[in-house]
PDB file of N, CA and C in Angstrom:
ATOM      1  N   UNK A   1      36.135  -7.651 -44.443  1.00  0.00           N
ATOM      2  CA  UNK A   1      37.145  -9.313 -44.096  1.00  0.00           C
ATOM      3  C   UNK A   1      37.462  -9.484 -42.882  1.00  0.00           C
ATOM      4  N   UNK A   2      36.993 -10.210 -42.283  1.00  0.00           N
ATOM      5  CA  UNK A   2      37.654 -10.620 -40.877  1.00  0.00           C
ATOM      6  C   UNK A   2      39.212 -11.502 -40.840  1.00  0.00           C
ATOM      7  N   UNK A   3      39.776 -10.405 -40.252  1.00  0.00           N
ATOM      8  CA  UNK A   3      41.410 -11.399 -40.277  1.00  0.00           C
ATOM      9  C   UNK A   3      41.759 -11.241 -38.986  1.00  0.00           C
ATOM     10  N   UNK A   4      43.113 -12.624 -38.527  1.00  0.00           N
ATOM     11  CA  UNK A   4      43.354 -12.437 -37.367  1.00  0.00           C
ATOM     12  C   UNK A   4      45.089 -11.775 -37.692  1.00  0.00           C
ATOM     13  N   UNK A   5      45.364 -11.161 -36.567  1.00  0.00           N
ATOM     14  CA  UNK A   5      46.315 -10.200 -36.217  1.00  0.00           C
ATOM     15  C   UNK A   5      47.581 -11.034 -37.064  1.00  0.00           C
ATOM     16  N   UNK A   6      47.798 -12.159 -36.980  1.00  0.00           N
ATOM     17  CA  UNK A   6      48.809 -13.090 -37.924  1.00  0.00           C
ATOM     18  C   UNK A   6      48.432 -12.711 -39.490  1.00  0.00           C
ATOM     19  N   UNK A   7      47.566 -12.401 -39.680  1.00  0.00           N
ATOM     20  CA  UNK A   7      47.052 -12.565 -41.254  1.00  0.00           C
ATOM     21  C   UNK A   7      47.703 -10.809 -41.504  1.00  0.00           C
ATOM     22  N   UNK A   8      47.125 -10.203 -40.679  1.00  0.00           N
ATOM     23  CA  UNK A   8      47.266  -8.171 -41.078  1.00  0.00           C
ATOM     24  C   UNK A   8      48.987  -8.817 -40.902  1.00  0.00           C
ATOM     25  N   UNK A   9      49.579  -9.107 -40.343  1.00  0.00           N
ATOM     26  CA  UNK A   9      51.086  -8.971 -40.130  1.00  0.00           C
ATOM     27  C   UNK A   9      51.704  -9.675 -41.285  1.00  0.00           C
ATOM     28  N   UNK A  10      51.356 -10.678 -41.874  1.00  0.00           N
ATOM     29  CA  UNK A  10      52.056 -11.471 -43.071  1.00  0.00           C
ATOM     30  C   UNK A  10      51.800 -10.820 -43.891  1.00  0.00           C
ATOM     31  N   UNK A  11      51.014 -10.516 -44.146  1.00  0.00           N
ATOM     32  CA  UNK A  11      49.924  -9.310 -45.318  1.00  0.00           C
ATOM     33  C   UNK A  11      51.387  -8.536 -45.886  1.00  0.00           C
ATOM     34  N   UNK A  12      52.110  -7.856 -44.905  1.00  0.00           N
ATOM     35  CA  UNK A  12      53.087  -7.000 -45.081  1.00  0.00           C
ATOM     36  C   UNK A  12      54.262  -7.071 -46.332  1.00  0.00           C
ATOM     37  N   UNK A  13      54.429  -8.756 -45.957  1.00  0.00           N
ATOM     38  CA  UNK A  13      55.415  -9.518 -46.846  1.00  0.00           C
ATOM     39  C   UNK A  13      54.947  -8.803 -48.229  1.00  0.00           C
ATOM     40  N   UNK A  14      56.447  -8.872 -49.053  1.00  0.00           N
ATOM     41  CA  UNK A  14      56.458  -8.587 -50.421  1.00  0.00           C
ATOM     42  C   UNK A  14      55.420  -9.779 -51.409  1.00  0.00           C
ATOM     43  N   UNK A  15      55.652 -11.004 -51.216  1.00  0.00           N
ATOM     44  CA  UNK A  15      55.385 -11.836 -52.052  1.00  0.00           C
ATOM     45  C   UNK A  15      53.800 -12.044 -51.451  1.00  0.00           C
ATOM     46  N   UNK A  16      53.218 -11.755 -50.269  1.00  0.00           N
ATOM     47  CA  UNK A  16      52.038 -11.385 -50.465  1.00  0.00           C
ATOM     48  C   UNK A  16      50.934 -10.578 -50.211  1.00  0.00           C
ATOM     49  N   UNK A  17      51.929  -9.507 -50.401  1.00  0.00           N
ATOM     50  CA  UNK A  17      51.222  -8.060 -50.942  1.00  0.00           C
ATOM     51  C   UNK A  17      50.716  -8.214 -51.975  1.00  0.00           C
ATOM     52  N   UNK A  18      50.935  -8.825 -52.859  1.00  0.00           N
ATOM     53  CA  UNK A  18      50.412  -8.773 -54.159  1.00  0.00           C
ATOM     54  C   UNK A  18      49.272  -9.439 -54.502  1.00  0.00           C
ATOM     55  N   UNK A  19      48.658 -10.131 -53.298  1.00  0.00           N
ATOM     56  CA  UNK A  19      47.719 -11.138 -53.163  1.00  0.00           C
ATOM     57  C   UNK A  19      46.817 -10.116 -53.196  1.00  0.00           C
ATOM     58  N   UNK A  20      45.361 -10.231 -53.988  1.00  0.00           N
ATOM     59  CA  UNK A  20      44.400  -9.157 -53.908  1.00  0.00           C
ATOM     60  C   UNK A  20      43.334  -9.489 -52.897  1.00  0.00           C
ATOM     61  N   UNK A  21      42.562  -8.836 -52.218  1.00  0.00           N
ATOM     62  CA  UNK A  21      41.489  -9.016 -51.135  1.00  0.00           C
ATOM     63  C   UNK A  21      40.409  -9.327 -52.042  1.00  0.00           C
ATOM     64  N   UNK A  22      40.227  -9.030 -53.215  1.00  0.00           N
ATOM     65  CA  UNK A  22      38.940  -9.760 -53.842  1.00  0.00           C
ATOM     66  C   UNK A  22      39.371 -11.290 -54.202  1.00  0.00           C
ATOM     67  N   UNK A  23      40.400 -11.553 -53.897  1.00  0.00           N
ATOM     68  CA  UNK A  23      40.778 -13.123 -54.731  1.00  0.00           C
ATOM     69  C   UNK A  23      40.913 -13.964 -53.430  1.00  0.00           C
ATOM     70  N   UNK A  24      40.741 -13.671 -52.334  1.00  0.00           N
ATOM     71  CA  UNK A  24      40.719 -14.177 -51.202  1.00  0.00           C
ATOM     72  C   UNK A  24      39.420 -14.239 -50.610  1.00  0.00           C
ATOM     73  N   UNK A  25      38.766 -13.434 -50.922  1.00  0.00           N
ATOM     74  CA  UNK A  25      37.481 -13.383 -50.971  1.00  0.00           C
ATOM     75  C   UNK A  25      36.361 -14.089 -51.775  1.00  0.00           C
ATOM     76  N   UNK A  26      36.597 -14.713 -52.880  1.00  0.00           N
ATOM     77  CA  UNK A  26      36.773 -15.401 -53.756  1.00  0.00           C
ATOM     78  C   UNK A  26      36.739 -16.512 -53.260  1.00  0.00           C
ATOM     79  N   UNK A  27      37.789 -17.329 -53.150  1.00  0.00           N
ATOM     80  CA  UNK A  27      38.632 -18.307 -52.117  1.00  0.00           C
ATOM     81  C   UNK A  27      37.365 -18.483 -51.263  1.00  0.00           C
ATOM     82  N   UNK A  28      37.398 -17.937 -50.093  1.00  0.00           N
ATOM     83  CA  UNK A  28      36.917 -18.089 -49.199  1.00  0.00           C
ATOM     84  C   UNK A  28      35.103 -18.305 -49.152  1.00  0.00           C
ATOM     85  N   UNK A  29      34.737 -17.589 -50.092  1.00  0.00           N
ATOM     86  CA  UNK A  29      32.900 -18.047 -50.397  1.00  0.00           C
ATOM     87  C   UNK A  29      32.701 -19.009 -51.932  1.00  0.00           C
ATOM     88  N   UNK A  30      33.918 -19.197 -52.216  1.00  0.00           N
ATOM     89  CA  UNK A  30      33.809 -20.198 -53.149  1.00  0.00           C
ATOM     90  C   UNK A  30      34.737 -20.950 -53.818  1.00  0.00           C
ATOM     91  N   UNK A  31      35.386 -21.787 -52.921  1.00  0.00           N
ATOM     92  CA  UNK A  31      36.653 -22.563 -52.677  1.00  0.00           C
ATOM     93  C   UNK A  31      36.356 -23.110 -54.174  1.00  0.00           C
ATOM     94  N   UNK A  32      37.493 -24.014 -54.756  1.00  0.00           N
ATOM     95  CA  UNK A  32      37.342 -25.292 -55.377  1.00  0.00           C
ATOM     96  C   UNK A  32      37.737 -26.440 -55.217  1.00  0.00           C
ATOM     97  N   UNK A  33      38.660 -26.205 -53.688  1.00  0.00           N
ATOM     98  CA  UNK A  33      38.737 -27.720 -53.060  1.00  0.00           C
ATOM     99  C   UNK A  33      38.936 -26.777 -51.716  1.00  0.00           C
ATOM    100  N   UNK A  34      38.545 -28.012 -50.680  1.00  0.00           N
ATOM    101  CA  UNK A  34      38.539 -27.613 -49.204  1.00  0.00           C
ATOM    102  C   UNK A  34      39.110 -28.591 -48.078  1.00  0.00           C
ATOM    103  N   UNK A  35      39.896 -28.791 -47.621  1.00  0.00           N
ATOM    104  CA  UNK A  35      40.030 -29.602 -46.254  1.00  0.00           C
ATOM    105  C   UNK A  35      40.119 -28.961 -44.833  1.00  0.00           C
ATOM    106  N   UNK A  36      40.042 -29.854 -43.927  1.00  0.00           N
ATOM    107  CA  UNK A  36      40.002 -29.537 -42.580  1.00  0.00           C
ATOM    108  C   UNK A  36      40.770 -30.028 -41.786  1.00  0.00           C
ATOM    109  N   UNK A  37      41.687 -28.680 -41.629  1.00  0.00           N
ATOM    110  CA  UNK A  37      42.964 -29.242 -40.568  1.00  0.00           C
ATOM    111  C   UNK A  37      42.363 -30.024 -39.411  1.00  0.00           C
ATOM    112  N   UNK A  38      43.617 -30.597 -38.463  1.00  0.00           N
ATOM    113  CA  UNK A  38      43.277 -31.169 -37.666  1.00  0.00           C
ATOM    114  C   UNK A  38      42.998 -30.191 -36.224  1.00  0.00           C
ATOM    115  N   UNK A  39      43.546 -29.059 -36.457  1.00  0.00           N
ATOM    116  CA  UNK A  39      43.435 -28.188 -35.003  1.00  0.00           C
ATOM    117  C   UNK A  39      41.895 -27.531 -35.736  1.00  0.00           C
ATOM    118  N   UNK A  40      41.203 -27.805 -36.540  1.00  0.00           N
ATOM    119  CA  UNK A  40      40.271 -26.956 -36.639  1.00  0.00           C
ATOM    120  C   UNK A  40      39.855 -25.850 -38.004  1.00  0.00           C
ATOM    121  N   UNK A  41      40.953 -25.909 -38.641  1.00  0.00           N
ATOM    122  CA  UNK A  41      41.534 -24.825 -39.106  1.00  0.00           C
ATOM    123  C   UNK A  41      40.233 -25.054 -40.734  1.00  0.00           C
ATOM    124  N   UNK A  42      40.201 -24.516 -41.741  1.00  0.00           N
ATOM    125  CA  UNK A  42      39.758 -25.112 -42.629  1.00  0.00           C
ATOM    126  C   UNK A  42      40.815 -24.269 -43.762  1.00  0.00           C
ATOM    127  N   UNK A  43      41.247 -25.053 -44.915  1.00  0.00           N
ATOM    128  CA  UNK A  43      42.107 -25.037 -45.910  1.00  0.00           C
ATOM    129  C   UNK A  43      40.755 -24.910 -47.293  1.00  0.00           C
ATOM    130  N   UNK A  44      41.146 -23.472 -48.030  1.00  0.00           N
ATOM    131  CA  UNK A  44      40.382 -23.406 -49.477  1.00  0.00           C
ATOM    132  C   UNK A  44      42.117 -23.188 -50.303  1.00  0.00           C
ATOM    133  N   UNK A  45      41.042 -23.675 -51.267  1.00  0.00           N
ATOM    134  CA  UNK A  45      41.719 -23.234 -52.546  1.00  0.00           C
ATOM    135  C   UNK A  45      41.156 -22.873 -53.691  1.00  0.00           C
ATOM    136  N   UNK A  46      41.745 -22.059 -54.503  1.00  0.00           N
ATOM    137  CA  UNK A  46      41.092 -21.477 -55.841  1.00  0.00           C
ATOM    138  C   UNK A  46      42.028 -20.877 -56.469  1.00  0.00           C
ATOM    139  N   UNK A  47      41.688 -21.725 -57.850  1.00  0.00           N
ATOM    140  CA  UNK A  47      42.225 -21.328 -59.092  1.00  0.00           C
ATOM    141  C   UNK A  47      42.418 -19.177 -59.480  1.00  0.00           C
ATOM    142  N   UNK A  48      43.565 -18.553 -59.426  1.00  0.00           N
ATOM    143  CA  UNK A  48      43.304 -17.196 -59.790  1.00  0.00           C
ATOM    144  C   UNK A  48      44.058 -16.778 -61.371  1.00  0.00           C
ATOM    145  N   UNK A  49      42.915 -16.932 -62.057  1.00  0.00           N
ATOM    146  CA  UNK A  49      43.376 -16.589 -63.849  1.00  0.00           C
ATOM    147  C   UNK A  49      44.034 -15.558 -63.932  1.00  0.00           C
ATOM    148  N   UNK A  50      43.645 -14.467 -62.930  1.00  0.00           N
ATOM    149  CA  UNK A  50      44.290 -13.160 -63.387  1.00  0.00           C
ATOM    150  C   UNK A  50      45.942 -12.952 -62.325  1.00  0.00           C
ATOM    151  N   UNK A  51      46.245 -14.412 -61.657  1.00  0.00           N
ATOM    152  CA  UNK A  51      47.458 -14.499 -61.540  1.00  0.00           C
ATOM    153  C   UNK A  51      48.057 -15.122 -62.286  1.00  0.00           C
ATOM    154  N   UNK A  52      48.043 -16.113 -63.406  1.00  0.00           N
ATOM    155  CA  UNK A  52      48.771 -16.602 -63.962  1.00  0.00           C
ATOM    156  C   UNK A  52      48.251 -17.942 -63.851  1.00  0.00           C
ATOM    157  N   UNK A  53      46.823 -18.345 -63.355  1.00  0.00           N
ATOM    158  CA  UNK A  53      46.201 -19.921 -63.287  1.00  0.00           C
ATOM    159  C   UNK A  53      46.937 -20.118 -61.730  1.00  0.00           C
ATOM    160  N   UNK A  54      48.038 -19.202 -60.795  1.00  0.00           N
ATOM    161  CA  UNK A  54      48.107 -20.073 -59.641  1.00  0.00           C
ATOM    162  C   UNK A  54      46.618 -20.414 -58.840  1.00  0.00           C
ATOM    163  N   UNK A  55      47.149 -21.045 -57.866  1.00  0.00           N
ATOM    164  CA  UNK A  55      46.405 -21.718 -56.699  1.00  0.00           C
ATOM    165  C   UNK A  55      46.184 -20.783 -55.485  1.00  0.00           C
ATOM    166  N   UNK A  56      45.583 -20.383 -55.453  1.00  0.00           N
ATOM    167  CA  UNK A  56      45.523 -19.290 -53.805  1.00  0.00           C
ATOM    168  C   UNK A  56      44.763 -20.607 -52.654  1.00  0.00           C
ATOM    169  N   UNK A  57      45.616 -20.432 -51.818  1.00  0.00           N
ATOM    170  CA  UNK A  57      45.393 -20.991 -50.544  1.00  0.00           C
ATOM    171  C   UNK A  57      44.772 -20.458 -49.375  1.00  0.00           C
ATOM    172  N   UNK A  58      44.058 -20.180 -49.123  1.00  0.00           N
ATOM    173  CA  UNK A  58      43.278 -19.578 -47.862  1.00  0.00           C
ATOM    174  C   UNK A  58      42.960 -20.077 -46.571  1.00  0.00           C
ATOM    175  N   UNK A  59      43.553 -20.380 -45.598  1.00  0.00           N
ATOM    176  CA  UNK A  59      43.271 -20.755 -44.422  1.00  0.00           C
ATOM    177  C   UNK A  59      42.140 -19.992 -43.376  1.00  0.00           C
ATOM    178  N   UNK A  60      41.202 -20.197 -43.271  1.00  0.00           N
ATOM    179  CA  UNK A  60      40.435 -19.535 -42.436  1.00  0.00           C
ATOM    180  C   UNK A  60      40.145 -20.180 -40.984  1.00  0.00           C
ATOM    181  N   UNK A  61      39.855 -19.573 -39.898  1.00  0.00           N
ATOM    182  CA  UNK A  61      39.215 -20.190 -38.600  1.00  0.00           C
ATOM    183  C   UNK A  61      38.075 -21.104 -38.699  1.00  0.00           C
ATOM    184  N   UNK A  62      37.908 -21.839 -37.392  1.00  0.00           N
ATOM    185  CA  UNK A  62      36.377 -22.652 -37.695  1.00  0.00           C
ATOM    186  C   UNK A  62      35.565 -22.046 -37.843  1.00  0.00           C
ATOM    187  N   UNK A  63      35.349 -20.551 -37.509  1.00  0.00           N
ATOM    188  CA  UNK A  63      34.282 -20.240 -37.962  1.00  0.00           C
ATOM    189  C   UNK A  63      33.722 -19.792 -39.538  1.00  0.00           C
ATOM    190  N   UNK A  64      35.286 -20.525 -40.436  1.00  0.00           N
ATOM    191  CA  UNK A  64      34.770 -20.288 -41.517  1.00  0.00           C
ATOM    192  C   UNK A  64      34.554 -19.081 -42.737  1.00  0.00           C
ATOM    193  N   UNK A  65      35.262 -18.070 -41.945  1.00  0.00           N
ATOM    194  CA  UNK A  65      35.256 -16.613 -42.335  1.00  0.00           C
ATOM    195  C   UNK A  65      36.533 -15.789 -42.238  1.00  0.00           C
ATOM    196  N   UNK A  66      36.844 -16.065 -41.286  1.00  0.00           N
ATOM    197  CA  UNK A  66      38.039 -15.164 -40.399  1.00  0.00           C
ATOM    198  C   UNK A  66      39.531 -15.608 -40.947  1.00  0.00           C
ATOM    199  N   UNK A  67      39.824 -14.769 -41.984  1.00  0.00           N
ATOM    200  CA  UNK A  67      41.066 -15.409 -42.703  1.00  0.00           C
ATOM    201  C   UNK A  67      42.430 -15.110 -42.033  1.00  0.00           C
ATOM    202  N   UNK A  68      43.530 -16.292 -41.899  1.00  0.00           N
ATOM    203  CA  UNK A  68      44.476 -16.280 -41.123  1.00  0.00           C
ATOM    204  C   UNK A  68      45.502 -16.185 -41.840  1.00  0.00           C
ATOM    205  N   UNK A  69      45.408 -16.822 -42.789  1.00  0.00           N
ATOM    206  CA  UNK A  69      46.807 -16.925 -43.948  1.00  0.00           C
ATOM    207  C   UNK A  69      46.389 -16.936 -45.513  1.00  0.00           C
ATOM    208  N   UNK A  70      47.299 -16.531 -46.457  1.00  0.00           N
ATOM    209  CA  UNK A  70      46.756 -16.373 -47.747  1.00  0.00           C
ATOM    210  C   UNK A  70      47.813 -16.476 -48.727  1.00  0.00           C
ATOM    211  N   UNK A  71      48.378 -17.791 -49.436  1.00  0.00           N
ATOM    212  CA  UNK A  71      49.337 -17.404 -50.082  1.00  0.00           C
ATOM    213  C   UNK A  71      48.815 -18.028 -51.851  1.00  0.00           C
ATOM    214  N   UNK A  72      49.773 -18.265 -52.922  1.00  0.00           N
ATOM    215  CA  UNK A  72      49.780 -19.242 -53.575  1.00  0.00           C
ATOM    216  C   UNK A  72      50.677 -20.326 -53.265  1.00  0.00           C
ATOM    217  N   UNK A  73      49.551 -21.458 -53.274  1.00  0.00           N
ATOM    218  CA  UNK A  73      50.376 -22.837 -53.071  1.00  0.00           C
ATOM    219  C   UNK A  73      50.857 -23.802 -54.076  1.00  0.00           C
ATOM    220  N   UNK A  74      52.346 -23.153 -54.292  1.00  0.00           N
ATOM    221  CA  UNK A  74      52.608 -23.903 -55.592  1.00  0.00           C
ATOM    222  C   UNK A  74      52.838 -25.773 -55.459  1.00  0.00           C
ATOM    223  N   UNK A  75      52.863 -25.975 -54.248  1.00  0.00           N
ATOM    224  CA  UNK A  75      52.408 -27.591 -54.138  1.00  0.00           C
ATOM    225  C   UNK A  75      51.273 -28.038 -54.420  1.00  0.00           C
ATOM    226  N   UNK A  76      50.487 -26.986 -54.411  1.00  0.00           N
ATOM    227  CA  UNK A  76      49.408 -27.926 -54.549  1.00  0.00           C
ATOM    228  C   UNK A  76      48.483 -28.863 -55.963  1.00  0.00           C
ATOM    229  N   UNK A  77      47.900 -29.735 -55.665  1.00  0.00           N
ATOM    230  CA  UNK A  77      47.930 -30.734 -56.943  1.00  0.00           C
ATOM    231  C   UNK A  77      46.283 -31.253 -56.501  1.00  0.00           C
ATOM    232  N   UNK A  78      44.861 -30.513 -57.379  1.00  0.00           N
ATOM    233  CA  UNK A  78      43.857 -30.930 -57.335  1.00  0.00           C
ATOM    234  C   UNK A  78      43.981 -32.301 -57.186  1.00  0.00           C
TER     235      UNK A  78
END
């Protein structure tokens, strides 16, 4: 999994450390929802049954594969 320096540092936070890499890969490869940001980054969401059906938002760079951020998005409404 390709990542940015920002992601590598933010991943150390306790609330982010629980997010499994396989969940991130699942959302990147098979998102249930996707939106383009104005800066060219792509927001992808996927529901994670193993985490109580929470929505995981993964932000990837313009290349569509480099992970810049990942977190459980409590405000997301499909």
